[in-house]
Amino acid sequence: MTSTDARVLDQIAPRAPARWHRKALAAALLVAVALAAVATWLRVAHTIRHPHPVRITRQPRVSALVWSGRVFVDAATFKRWLDARDVPYAQWARTHPRAVMILERAHGRRR
C-alpha cells in the first residue's frame, strides 16, 4: 500500500483513535470524579466539625408540655394521664410551677 492509498483510505474511513487514548480519557475522567467526591465530603466534614450558629431573632412560644416521652397540649389531658398513674394534679402542680405555666398558657390561647 502506497502513501497515496493510505491517504485515500483515511479520507474514506478515518482511523479509530488508539485504544490507549480511550483508556487515558477514562482514567482522567475517573480521577476527576473521585477528586470532586473527595472535595465534597471534605467540605461536609468541615461544616459538621465547625458549624455556624443559627441566630434566632425571637424566642419561640412554647405551647405544649413534654412529659415522660409524651406531648400534652392542655391541662385536662395531662390531668387524666396523672390520674391514671394515681398522682394528684395539685400535688404535681406544686412541685412543677413552670410546667403548670406552660399548660395554662396553652389553654388560655385556645379559648
PDB file of N, CA and C in Angstrom:
ATOM      1  N   MET A   1       0.852  -1.162   0.000  1.00  0.00           N
ATOM      2  CA  MET A   1       0.000   0.000   0.000  1.00  0.00           C
ATOM      3  C   MET A   1       0.901   1.229   0.000  1.00  0.00           C
ATOM      4  N   THR A   2       0.608   2.130  -0.879  1.00  0.00           N
ATOM      5  CA  THR A   2       1.417   3.326  -1.004  1.00  0.00           C
ATOM      6  C   THR A   2       0.856   4.409  -0.105  1.00  0.00           C
ATOM      7  N   SER A   3       1.596   5.504   0.028  1.00  0.00           N
ATOM      8  CA  SER A   3       1.143   6.599   0.884  1.00  0.00           C
ATOM      9  C   SER A   3      -0.115   7.247   0.317  1.00  0.00           C
ATOM     10  N   THR A   4      -0.264   7.252  -0.992  1.00  0.00           N
ATOM     11  CA  THR A   4      -1.455   7.806  -1.607  1.00  0.00           C
ATOM     12  C   THR A   4      -2.663   6.940  -1.265  1.00  0.00           C
ATOM     13  N   ASP A   5      -2.476   5.642  -1.295  1.00  0.00           N
ATOM     14  CA  ASP A   5      -3.573   4.737  -0.935  1.00  0.00           C
ATOM     15  C   ASP A   5      -3.988   4.935   0.523  1.00  0.00           C
ATOM     16  N   ALA A   6      -3.017   5.146   1.401  1.00  0.00           N
ATOM     17  CA  ALA A   6      -3.307   5.332   2.827  1.00  0.00           C
ATOM     18  C   ALA A   6      -4.105   6.617   3.040  1.00  0.00           C
ATOM     19  N   ARG A   7      -3.716   7.693   2.298  1.00  0.00           N
ATOM     20  CA  ARG A   7      -4.448   8.955   2.425  1.00  0.00           C
ATOM     21  C   ARG A   7      -5.877   8.809   1.932  1.00  0.00           C
ATOM     22  N   VAL A   8      -6.079   8.088   0.876  1.00  0.00           N
ATOM     23  CA  VAL A   8      -7.413   7.877   0.338  1.00  0.00           C
ATOM     24  C   VAL A   8      -8.248   7.075   1.341  1.00  0.00           C
ATOM     25  N   LEU A   9      -7.651   6.042   1.927  1.00  0.00           N
ATOM     26  CA  LEU A   9      -8.374   5.250   2.917  1.00  0.00           C
ATOM     27  C   LEU A   9      -8.718   6.084   4.153  1.00  0.00           C
ATOM     28  N   ASP A  10      -7.810   6.980   4.584  1.00  0.00           N
ATOM     29  CA  ASP A  10      -8.085   7.850   5.738  1.00  0.00           C
ATOM     30  C   ASP A  10      -9.252   8.785   5.450  1.00  0.00           C
ATOM     31  N   GLN A  11      -9.382   9.219   4.215  1.00  0.00           N
ATOM     32  CA  GLN A  11     -10.482  10.108   3.879  1.00  0.00           C
ATOM     33  C   GLN A  11     -11.809   9.335   3.830  1.00  0.00           C
ATOM     34  N   ILE A  12     -11.764   8.120   3.377  1.00  0.00           N
ATOM     35  CA  ILE A  12     -12.982   7.320   3.267  1.00  0.00           C
ATOM     36  C   ILE A  12     -13.420   6.830   4.651  1.00  0.00           C
ATOM     37  N   ALA A  13     -12.521   6.214   5.407  1.00  0.00           N
ATOM     38  CA  ALA A  13     -12.836   5.663   6.732  1.00  0.00           C
ATOM     39  C   ALA A  13     -11.718   6.080   7.688  1.00  0.00           C
ATOM     40  N   PRO A  14     -11.938   7.181   8.411  1.00  0.00           N
ATOM     41  CA  PRO A  14     -10.866   7.611   9.310  1.00  0.00           C
ATOM     42  C   PRO A  14     -10.613   6.559  10.383  1.00  0.00           C
ATOM     43  N   ARG A  15      -9.365   6.499  10.817  1.00  0.00           N
ATOM     44  CA  ARG A  15      -8.981   5.511  11.814  1.00  0.00           C
ATOM     45  C   ARG A  15      -9.612   5.840  13.167  1.00  0.00           C
ATOM     46  N   ALA A  16      -9.948   4.787  13.867  1.00  0.00           N
ATOM     47  CA  ALA A  16     -10.457   4.958  15.237  1.00  0.00           C
ATOM     48  C   ALA A  16      -9.290   5.406  16.113  1.00  0.00           C
ATOM     49  N   PRO A  17      -9.583   6.206  17.142  1.00  0.00           N
ATOM     50  CA  PRO A  17      -8.480   6.630  17.996  1.00  0.00           C
ATOM     51  C   PRO A  17      -7.814   5.416  18.630  1.00  0.00           C
ATOM     52  N   ALA A  18      -6.576   5.593  18.936  1.00  0.00           N
ATOM     53  CA  ALA A  18      -5.828   4.483  19.526  1.00  0.00           C
ATOM     54  C   ALA A  18      -6.477   4.074  20.838  1.00  0.00           C
ATOM     55  N   ARG A  19      -6.368   2.810  21.184  1.00  0.00           N
ATOM     56  CA  ARG A  19      -7.000   2.273  22.377  1.00  0.00           C
ATOM     57  C   ARG A  19      -6.472   2.970  23.633  1.00  0.00           C
ATOM     58  N   TRP A  20      -5.243   3.339  23.673  1.00  0.00           N
ATOM     59  CA  TRP A  20      -4.676   3.979  24.856  1.00  0.00           C
ATOM     60  C   TRP A  20      -5.254   5.370  25.063  1.00  0.00           C
ATOM     61  N   HIS A  21      -5.708   6.041  24.001  1.00  0.00           N
ATOM     62  CA  HIS A  21      -6.353   7.347  24.133  1.00  0.00           C
ATOM     63  C   HIS A  21      -7.657   7.211  24.922  1.00  0.00           C
ATOM     64  N   ARG A  22      -8.437   6.192  24.605  1.00  0.00           N
ATOM     65  CA  ARG A  22      -9.696   5.984  25.314  1.00  0.00           C
ATOM     66  C   ARG A  22      -9.455   5.609  26.775  1.00  0.00           C
ATOM     67  N   LYS A  23      -8.444   4.796  27.011  1.00  0.00           N
ATOM     68  CA  LYS A  23      -8.137   4.403  28.388  1.00  0.00           C
ATOM     69  C   LYS A  23      -7.648   5.605  29.200  1.00  0.00           C
ATOM     70  N   ALA A  24      -6.834   6.446  28.578  1.00  0.00           N
ATOM     71  CA  ALA A  24      -6.327   7.636  29.279  1.00  0.00           C
ATOM     72  C   ALA A  24      -7.473   8.603  29.583  1.00  0.00           C
ATOM     73  N   LEU A  25      -8.380   8.759  28.639  1.00  0.00           N
ATOM     74  CA  LEU A  25      -9.526   9.635  28.846  1.00  0.00           C
ATOM     75  C   LEU A  25     -10.420   9.091  29.966  1.00  0.00           C
ATOM     76  N   ALA A  26     -10.663   7.783  29.980  1.00  0.00           N
ATOM     77  CA  ALA A  26     -11.473   7.175  31.036  1.00  0.00           C
ATOM     78  C   ALA A  26     -10.793   7.320  32.398  1.00  0.00           C
ATOM     79  N   ALA A  27      -9.487   7.138  32.451  1.00  0.00           N
ATOM     80  CA  ALA A  27      -8.752   7.278  33.710  1.00  0.00           C
ATOM     81  C   ALA A  27      -8.804   8.721  34.198  1.00  0.00           C
ATOM     82  N   ALA A  28      -8.651   9.684  33.301  1.00  0.00           N
ATOM     83  CA  ALA A  28      -8.701  11.094  33.690  1.00  0.00           C
ATOM     84  C   ALA A  28     -10.095  11.461  34.200  1.00  0.00           C
ATOM     85  N   LEU A  29     -11.109  10.945  33.548  1.00  0.00           N
ATOM     86  CA  LEU A  29     -12.485  11.203  33.981  1.00  0.00           C
ATOM     87  C   LEU A  29     -12.736  10.578  35.360  1.00  0.00           C
ATOM     88  N   LEU A  30     -12.250   9.384  35.587  1.00  0.00           N
ATOM     89  CA  LEU A  30     -12.402   8.721  36.882  1.00  0.00           C
ATOM     90  C   LEU A  30     -11.686   9.486  37.984  1.00  0.00           C
ATOM     91  N   VAL A  31     -10.505   9.973  37.709  1.00  0.00           N
ATOM     92  CA  VAL A  31      -9.762  10.762  38.699  1.00  0.00           C
ATOM     93  C   VAL A  31     -10.494  12.070  38.993  1.00  0.00           C
ATOM     94  N   ALA A  32     -11.047  12.710  37.975  1.00  0.00           N
ATOM     95  CA  ALA A  32     -11.779  13.965  38.187  1.00  0.00           C
ATOM     96  C   ALA A  32     -13.024  13.735  39.045  1.00  0.00           C
ATOM     97  N   VAL A  33     -13.755  12.663  38.802  1.00  0.00           N
ATOM     98  CA  VAL A  33     -14.947  12.354  39.604  1.00  0.00           C
ATOM     99  C   VAL A  33     -14.550  12.041  41.036  1.00  0.00           C
ATOM    100  N   ALA A  34     -13.476  11.268  41.210  1.00  0.00           N
ATOM    101  CA  ALA A  34     -13.012  10.935  42.565  1.00  0.00           C
ATOM    102  C   ALA A  34     -12.576  12.186  43.318  1.00  0.00           C
ATOM    103  N   LEU A  35     -11.872  13.082  42.662  1.00  0.00           N
ATOM    104  CA  LEU A  35     -11.449  14.326  43.313  1.00  0.00           C
ATOM    105  C   LEU A  35     -12.644  15.196  43.694  1.00  0.00           C
ATOM    106  N   ALA A  36     -13.641  15.254  42.834  1.00  0.00           N
ATOM    107  CA  ALA A  36     -14.839  16.024  43.151  1.00  0.00           C
ATOM    108  C   ALA A  36     -15.558  15.425  44.354  1.00  0.00           C
ATOM    109  N   ALA A  37     -15.648  14.100  44.425  1.00  0.00           N
ATOM    110  CA  ALA A  37     -16.306  13.447  45.562  1.00  0.00           C
ATOM    111  C   ALA A  37     -15.535  13.691  46.854  1.00  0.00           C
ATOM    112  N   VAL A  38     -14.225  13.591  46.805  1.00  0.00           N
ATOM    113  CA  VAL A  38     -13.405  13.830  47.995  1.00  0.00           C
ATOM    114  C   VAL A  38     -13.542  15.280  48.449  1.00  0.00           C
ATOM    115  N   ALA A  39     -13.511  16.213  47.518  1.00  0.00           N
ATOM    116  CA  ALA A  39     -13.645  17.629  47.880  1.00  0.00           C
ATOM    117  C   ALA A  39     -15.006  17.903  48.507  1.00  0.00           C
ATOM    118  N   THR A  40     -16.054  17.291  47.983  1.00  0.00           N
ATOM    119  CA  THR A  40     -17.390  17.479  48.543  1.00  0.00           C
ATOM    120  C   THR A  40     -17.456  16.958  49.962  1.00  0.00           C
ATOM    121  N   TRP A  41     -16.956  15.750  50.209  1.00  0.00           N
ATOM    122  CA  TRP A  41     -17.022  15.166  51.552  1.00  0.00           C
ATOM    123  C   TRP A  41     -16.113  15.899  52.531  1.00  0.00           C
ATOM    124  N   LEU A  42     -15.008  16.441  52.068  1.00  0.00           N
ATOM    125  CA  LEU A  42     -14.174  17.263  52.959  1.00  0.00           C
ATOM    126  C   LEU A  42     -14.931  18.517  53.386  1.00  0.00           C
ATOM    127  N   ARG A  43     -15.666  19.106  52.476  1.00  0.00           N
ATOM    128  CA  ARG A  43     -16.466  20.290  52.809  1.00  0.00           C
ATOM    129  C   ARG A  43     -17.582  19.938  53.802  1.00  0.00           C
ATOM    130  N   VAL A  44     -18.220  18.800  53.600  1.00  0.00           N
ATOM    131  CA  VAL A  44     -19.262  18.351  54.523  1.00  0.00           C
ATOM    132  C   VAL A  44     -18.660  18.114  55.912  1.00  0.00           C
ATOM    133  N   ALA A  45     -17.529  17.434  55.970  1.00  0.00           N
ATOM    134  CA  ALA A  45     -16.883  17.166  57.260  1.00  0.00           C
ATOM    135  C   ALA A  45     -16.481  18.465  57.951  1.00  0.00           C
ATOM    136  N   HIS A  46     -15.992  19.437  57.203  1.00  0.00           N
ATOM    137  CA  HIS A  46     -15.616  20.725  57.794  1.00  0.00           C
ATOM    138  C   HIS A  46     -16.839  21.436  58.361  1.00  0.00           C
ATOM    139  N   THR A  47     -17.941  21.407  57.630  1.00  0.00           N
ATOM    140  CA  THR A  47     -19.169  22.058  58.092  1.00  0.00           C
ATOM    141  C   THR A  47     -19.701  21.395  59.356  1.00  0.00           C
ATOM    142  N   ILE A  48     -19.641  20.068  59.409  1.00  0.00           N
ATOM    143  CA  ILE A  48     -20.105  19.361  60.598  1.00  0.00           C
ATOM    144  C   ILE A  48     -19.201  19.663  61.780  1.00  0.00           C
ATOM    145  N   ARG A  49     -17.912  19.731  61.542  1.00  0.00           N
ATOM    146  CA  ARG A  49     -16.949  19.959  62.631  1.00  0.00           C
ATOM    147  C   ARG A  49     -16.975  21.405  63.131  1.00  0.00           C
ATOM    148  N   HIS A  50     -17.232  22.358  62.246  1.00  0.00           N
ATOM    149  CA  HIS A  50     -17.242  23.786  62.607  1.00  0.00           C
ATOM    150  C   HIS A  50     -18.557  24.426  62.167  1.00  0.00           C
ATOM    151  N   PRO A  51     -19.664  24.101  62.825  1.00  0.00           N
ATOM    152  CA  PRO A  51     -20.950  24.672  62.392  1.00  0.00           C
ATOM    153  C   PRO A  51     -21.074  26.145  62.765  1.00  0.00           C
ATOM    154  N   HIS A  52     -21.832  26.861  61.984  1.00  0.00           N
ATOM    155  CA  HIS A  52     -22.129  28.256  62.290  1.00  0.00           C
ATOM    156  C   HIS A  52     -23.407  28.303  63.123  1.00  0.00           C
ATOM    157  N   PRO A  53     -23.435  29.131  64.155  1.00  0.00           N
ATOM    158  CA  PRO A  53     -24.651  29.194  64.976  1.00  0.00           C
ATOM    159  C   PRO A  53     -25.810  29.799  64.187  1.00  0.00           C
ATOM    160  N   VAL A  54     -26.983  29.313  64.494  1.00  0.00           N
ATOM    161  CA  VAL A  54     -28.197  29.841  63.868  1.00  0.00           C
ATOM    162  C   VAL A  54     -28.747  30.917  64.795  1.00  0.00           C
ATOM    163  N   ARG A  55     -28.940  32.088  64.274  1.00  0.00           N
ATOM    164  CA  ARG A  55     -29.440  33.188  65.091  1.00  0.00           C
ATOM    165  C   ARG A  55     -30.966  33.197  65.073  1.00  0.00           C
ATOM    166  N   ILE A  56     -31.538  33.269  66.256  1.00  0.00           N
ATOM    167  CA  ILE A  56     -32.984  33.338  66.387  1.00  0.00           C
ATOM    168  C   ILE A  56     -33.322  34.735  66.873  1.00  0.00           C
ATOM    169  N   THR A  57     -34.112  35.444  66.115  1.00  0.00           N
ATOM    170  CA  THR A  57     -34.417  36.828  66.470  1.00  0.00           C
ATOM    171  C   THR A  57     -35.391  36.909  67.637  1.00  0.00           C
ATOM    172  N   ARG A  58     -36.251  35.898  67.744  1.00  0.00           N
ATOM    173  CA  ARG A  58     -37.246  35.903  68.811  1.00  0.00           C
ATOM    174  C   ARG A  58     -37.416  34.479  69.323  1.00  0.00           C
ATOM    175  N   GLN A  59     -37.485  34.323  70.621  1.00  0.00           N
ATOM    176  CA  GLN A  59     -37.663  33.005  71.195  1.00  0.00           C
ATOM    177  C   GLN A  59     -39.037  32.459  70.811  1.00  0.00           C
ATOM    178  N   PRO A  60     -39.110  31.199  70.424  1.00  0.00           N
ATOM    179  CA  PRO A  60     -40.410  30.626  70.078  1.00  0.00           C
ATOM    180  C   PRO A  60     -41.290  30.464  71.317  1.00  0.00           C
ATOM    181  N   ARG A  61     -42.574  30.574  71.127  1.00  0.00           N
ATOM    182  CA  ARG A  61     -43.517  30.435  72.231  1.00  0.00           C
ATOM    183  C   ARG A  61     -43.807  28.950  72.450  1.00  0.00           C
ATOM    184  N   VAL A  62     -43.578  28.492  73.650  1.00  0.00           N
ATOM    185  CA  VAL A  62     -43.822  27.092  73.985  1.00  0.00           C
ATOM    186  C   VAL A  62     -45.313  26.908  74.202  1.00  0.00           C
ATOM    187  N   SER A  63     -45.896  25.945  73.508  1.00  0.00           N
ATOM    188  CA  SER A  63     -47.345  25.775  73.611  1.00  0.00           C
ATOM    189  C   SER A  63     -47.739  24.350  73.974  1.00  0.00           C
ATOM    190  N   ALA A  64     -46.791  23.542  74.435  1.00  0.00           N
ATOM    191  CA  ALA A  64     -47.108  22.173  74.828  1.00  0.00           C
ATOM    192  C   ALA A  64     -46.112  21.723  75.887  1.00  0.00           C
ATOM    193  N   LEU A  65     -46.524  20.747  76.657  1.00  0.00           N
ATOM    194  CA  LEU A  65     -45.687  20.188  77.712  1.00  0.00           C
ATOM    195  C   LEU A  65     -45.248  18.795  77.290  1.00  0.00           C
ATOM    196  N   VAL A  66     -43.947  18.554  77.317  1.00  0.00           N
ATOM    197  CA  VAL A  66     -43.415  17.228  77.039  1.00  0.00           C
ATOM    198  C   VAL A  66     -43.105  16.592  78.388  1.00  0.00           C
ATOM    199  N   TRP A  67     -43.769  15.470  78.670  1.00  0.00           N
ATOM    200  CA  TRP A  67     -43.612  14.822  79.969  1.00  0.00           C
ATOM    201  C   TRP A  67     -43.614  13.318  79.759  1.00  0.00           C
ATOM    202  N   SER A  68     -42.586  12.655  80.230  1.00  0.00           N
ATOM    203  CA  SER A  68     -42.466  11.194  80.146  1.00  0.00           C
ATOM    204  C   SER A  68     -42.596  10.692  78.703  1.00  0.00           C
ATOM    205  N   GLY A  69     -41.985  11.421  77.786  1.00  0.00           N
ATOM    206  CA  GLY A  69     -41.991  10.999  76.391  1.00  0.00           C
ATOM    207  C   GLY A  69     -43.291  11.257  75.656  1.00  0.00           C
ATOM    208  N   ARG A  70     -44.209  12.015  76.275  1.00  0.00           N
ATOM    209  CA  ARG A  70     -45.480  12.335  75.636  1.00  0.00           C
ATOM    210  C   ARG A  70     -45.632  13.853  75.540  1.00  0.00           C
ATOM    211  N   VAL A  71     -46.463  14.302  74.620  1.00  0.00           N
ATOM    212  CA  VAL A  71     -46.705  15.729  74.437  1.00  0.00           C
ATOM    213  C   VAL A  71     -48.151  16.024  74.842  1.00  0.00           C
ATOM    214  N   PHE A  72     -48.305  16.957  75.785  1.00  0.00           N
ATOM    215  CA  PHE A  72     -49.635  17.350  76.263  1.00  0.00           C
ATOM    216  C   PHE A  72     -49.863  18.809  75.895  1.00  0.00           C
ATOM    217  N   VAL A  73     -50.977  19.077  75.236  1.00  0.00           N
ATOM    218  CA  VAL A  73     -51.268  20.438  74.791  1.00  0.00           C
ATOM    219  C   VAL A  73     -52.281  21.139  75.682  1.00  0.00           C
ATOM    220  N   ASP A  74     -52.888  20.407  76.619  1.00  0.00           N
ATOM    221  CA  ASP A  74     -53.809  21.059  77.551  1.00  0.00           C
ATOM    222  C   ASP A  74     -53.755  20.354  78.907  1.00  0.00           C
ATOM    223  N   ALA A  75     -54.211  21.065  79.935  1.00  0.00           N
ATOM    224  CA  ALA A  75     -54.145  20.562  81.301  1.00  0.00           C
ATOM    225  C   ALA A  75     -55.102  19.397  81.515  1.00  0.00           C
ATOM    226  N   ALA A  76     -56.243  19.386  80.859  1.00  0.00           N
ATOM    227  CA  ALA A  76     -57.230  18.319  81.064  1.00  0.00           C
ATOM    228  C   ALA A  76     -56.660  16.959  80.656  1.00  0.00           C
ATOM    229  N   THR A  77     -56.015  16.908  79.530  1.00  0.00           N
ATOM    230  CA  THR A  77     -55.412  15.653  79.080  1.00  0.00           C
ATOM    231  C   THR A  77     -54.313  15.213  80.033  1.00  0.00           C
ATOM    232  N   PHE A  78     -53.522  16.173  80.486  1.00  0.00           N
ATOM    233  CA  PHE A  78     -52.436  15.845  81.399  1.00  0.00           C
ATOM    234  C   PHE A  78     -52.986  15.376  82.747  1.00  0.00           C
ATOM    235  N   LYS A  79     -54.062  16.002  83.197  1.00  0.00           N
ATOM    236  CA  LYS A  79     -54.693  15.571  84.459  1.00  0.00           C
ATOM    237  C   LYS A  79     -55.174  14.125  84.359  1.00  0.00           C
ATOM    238  N   ARG A  80     -55.801  13.764  83.243  1.00  0.00           N
ATOM    239  CA  ARG A  80     -56.256  12.386  83.056  1.00  0.00           C
ATOM    240  C   ARG A  80     -55.077  11.420  83.066  1.00  0.00           C
ATOM    241  N   TRP A  81     -53.982  11.828  82.457  1.00  0.00           N
ATOM    242  CA  TRP A  81     -52.796  10.976  82.421  1.00  0.00           C
ATOM    243  C   TRP A  81     -52.236  10.791  83.832  1.00  0.00           C
ATOM    244  N   LEU A  82     -52.181  11.876  84.623  1.00  0.00           N
ATOM    245  CA  LEU A  82     -51.709  11.771  86.004  1.00  0.00           C
ATOM    246  C   LEU A  82     -52.657  10.917  86.845  1.00  0.00           C
ATOM    247  N   ASP A  83     -53.966  11.095  86.664  1.00  0.00           N
ATOM    248  CA  ASP A  83     -54.941  10.302  87.417  1.00  0.00           C
ATOM    249  C   ASP A  83     -54.767   8.813  87.143  1.00  0.00           C
ATOM    250  N   ALA A  84     -54.462   8.461  85.920  1.00  0.00           N
ATOM    251  CA  ALA A  84     -54.260   7.053  85.578  1.00  0.00           C
ATOM    252  C   ALA A  84     -53.048   6.477  86.306  1.00  0.00           C
ATOM    253  N   ARG A  85     -52.166   7.340  86.762  1.00  0.00           N
ATOM    254  CA  ARG A  85     -50.968   6.911  87.485  1.00  0.00           C
ATOM    255  C   ARG A  85     -51.053   7.215  88.986  1.00  0.00           C
ATOM    256  N   ASP A  86     -52.245   7.529  89.452  1.00  0.00           N
ATOM    257  CA  ASP A  86     -52.509   7.810  90.877  1.00  0.00           C
ATOM    258  C   ASP A  86     -51.653   8.951  91.422  1.00  0.00           C
ATOM    259  N   VAL A  87     -51.491  10.005  90.606  1.00  0.00           N
ATOM    260  CA  VAL A  87     -50.769  11.203  91.044  1.00  0.00           C
ATOM    261  C   VAL A  87     -51.757  12.368  90.986  1.00  0.00           C
ATOM    262  N   PRO A  88     -52.022  13.012  92.119  1.00  0.00           N
ATOM    263  CA  PRO A  88     -52.939  14.163  92.091  1.00  0.00           C
ATOM    264  C   PRO A  88     -52.309  15.346  91.352  1.00  0.00           C
ATOM    265  N   TYR A  89     -53.140  15.984  90.516  1.00  0.00           N
ATOM    266  CA  TYR A  89     -52.641  17.126  89.745  1.00  0.00           C
ATOM    267  C   TYR A  89     -52.166  18.241  90.670  1.00  0.00           C
ATOM    268  N   ALA A  90     -52.870  18.493  91.760  1.00  0.00           N
ATOM    269  CA  ALA A  90     -52.491  19.579  92.678  1.00  0.00           C
ATOM    270  C   ALA A  90     -51.102  19.329  93.268  1.00  0.00           C
ATOM    271  N   GLN A  91     -50.832  18.100  93.623  1.00  0.00           N
ATOM    272  CA  GLN A  91     -49.512  17.773  94.174  1.00  0.00           C
ATOM    273  C   GLN A  91     -48.428  17.973  93.115  1.00  0.00           C
ATOM    274  N   TRP A  92     -48.695  17.507  91.908  1.00  0.00           N
ATOM    275  CA  TRP A  92     -47.732  17.673  90.820  1.00  0.00           C
ATOM    276  C   TRP A  92     -47.519  19.154  90.518  1.00  0.00           C
ATOM    277  N   ALA A  93     -48.597  19.938  90.518  1.00  0.00           N
ATOM    278  CA  ALA A  93     -48.521  21.362  90.185  1.00  0.00           C
ATOM    279  C   ALA A  93     -47.672  22.117  91.196  1.00  0.00           C
ATOM    280  N   ARG A  94     -47.731  21.732  92.474  1.00  0.00           N
ATOM    281  CA  ARG A  94     -46.900  22.409  93.493  1.00  0.00           C
ATOM    282  C   ARG A  94     -45.410  22.188  93.238  1.00  0.00           C
ATOM    283  N   THR A  95     -45.059  21.037  92.744  1.00  0.00           N
ATOM    284  CA  THR A  95     -43.637  20.739  92.537  1.00  0.00           C
ATOM    285  C   THR A  95     -43.128  21.139  91.155  1.00  0.00           C
ATOM    286  N   HIS A  96     -44.029  21.493  90.243  1.00  0.00           N
ATOM    287  CA  HIS A  96     -43.618  21.861  88.883  1.00  0.00           C
ATOM    288  C   HIS A  96     -44.334  23.130  88.418  1.00  0.00           C
ATOM    289  N   PRO A  97     -44.047  24.274  89.026  1.00  0.00           N
ATOM    290  CA  PRO A  97     -44.784  25.502  88.676  1.00  0.00           C
ATOM    291  C   PRO A  97     -44.539  25.982  87.244  1.00  0.00           C
ATOM    292  N   ARG A  98     -43.349  25.800  86.742  1.00  0.00           N
ATOM    293  CA  ARG A  98     -43.086  26.269  85.367  1.00  0.00           C
ATOM    294  C   ARG A  98     -43.873  25.451  84.345  1.00  0.00           C
ATOM    295  N   ALA A  99     -44.005  24.153  84.584  1.00  0.00           N
ATOM    296  CA  ALA A  99     -44.785  23.310  83.674  1.00  0.00           C
ATOM    297  C   ALA A  99     -46.262  23.692  83.718  1.00  0.00           C
ATOM    298  N   VAL A 100     -46.744  24.058  84.902  1.00  0.00           N
ATOM    299  CA  VAL A 100     -48.143  24.497  85.029  1.00  0.00           C
ATOM    300  C   VAL A 100     -48.359  25.767  84.212  1.00  0.00           C
ATOM    301  N   MET A 101     -47.388  26.668  84.249  1.00  0.00           N
ATOM    302  CA  MET A 101     -47.495  27.905  83.456  1.00  0.00           C
ATOM    303  C   MET A 101     -47.616  27.585  81.966  1.00  0.00           C
ATOM    304  N   ILE A 102     -46.870  26.601  81.499  1.00  0.00           N
ATOM    305  CA  ILE A 102     -46.938  26.223  80.082  1.00  0.00           C
ATOM    306  C   ILE A 102     -48.329  25.702  79.742  1.00  0.00           C
ATOM    307  N   LEU A 103     -48.861  24.831  80.596  1.00  0.00           N
ATOM    308  CA  LEU A 103     -50.201  24.286  80.327  1.00  0.00           C
ATOM    309  C   LEU A 103     -51.270  25.364  80.383  1.00  0.00           C
ATOM    310  N   GLU A 104     -51.180  26.287  81.344  1.00  0.00           N
ATOM    311  CA  GLU A 104     -52.172  27.368  81.441  1.00  0.00           C
ATOM    312  C   GLU A 104     -52.085  28.293  80.242  1.00  0.00           C
ATOM    313  N   ARG A 105     -50.867  28.584  79.796  1.00  0.00           N
ATOM    314  CA  ARG A 105     -50.690  29.457  78.648  1.00  0.00           C
ATOM    315  C   ARG A 105     -51.253  28.799  77.391  1.00  0.00           C
ATOM    316  N   ALA A 106     -51.014  27.514  77.218  1.00  0.00           N
ATOM    317  CA  ALA A 106     -51.550  26.793  76.049  1.00  0.00           C
ATOM    318  C   ALA A 106     -53.077  26.760  76.109  1.00  0.00           C
ATOM    319  N   HIS A 107     -53.634  26.550  77.293  1.00  0.00           N
ATOM    320  CA  HIS A 107     -55.094  26.500  77.439  1.00  0.00           C
ATOM    321  C   HIS A 107     -55.713  27.875  77.206  1.00  0.00           C
ATOM    322  N   GLY A 108     -55.086  28.929  77.697  1.00  0.00           N
ATOM    323  CA  GLY A 108     -55.596  30.281  77.528  1.00  0.00           C
ATOM    324  C   GLY A 108     -55.606  30.719  76.080  1.00  0.00           C
ATOM    325  N   ARG A 109     -54.667  30.252  75.307  1.00  0.00           N
ATOM    326  CA  ARG A 109     -54.584  30.639  73.895  1.00  0.00           C
ATOM    327  C   ARG A 109     -55.707  30.010  73.084  1.00  0.00           C
ATOM    328  N   ARG A 110     -56.199  28.865  73.493  1.00  0.00           N
ATOM    329  CA  ARG A 110     -57.243  28.173  72.726  1.00  0.00           C
ATOM    330  C   ARG A 110     -58.631  28.689  72.985  1.00  0.00           C
ATOM    331  N   ARG A 111     -58.825  29.459  74.005  1.00  0.00           N
ATOM    332  CA  ARG A 111     -60.177  29.949  74.338  1.00  0.00           C
ATOM    333  C   ARG A 111     -60.702  30.898  73.317  1.00  0.00           C
TER     334      ARG A 111
END
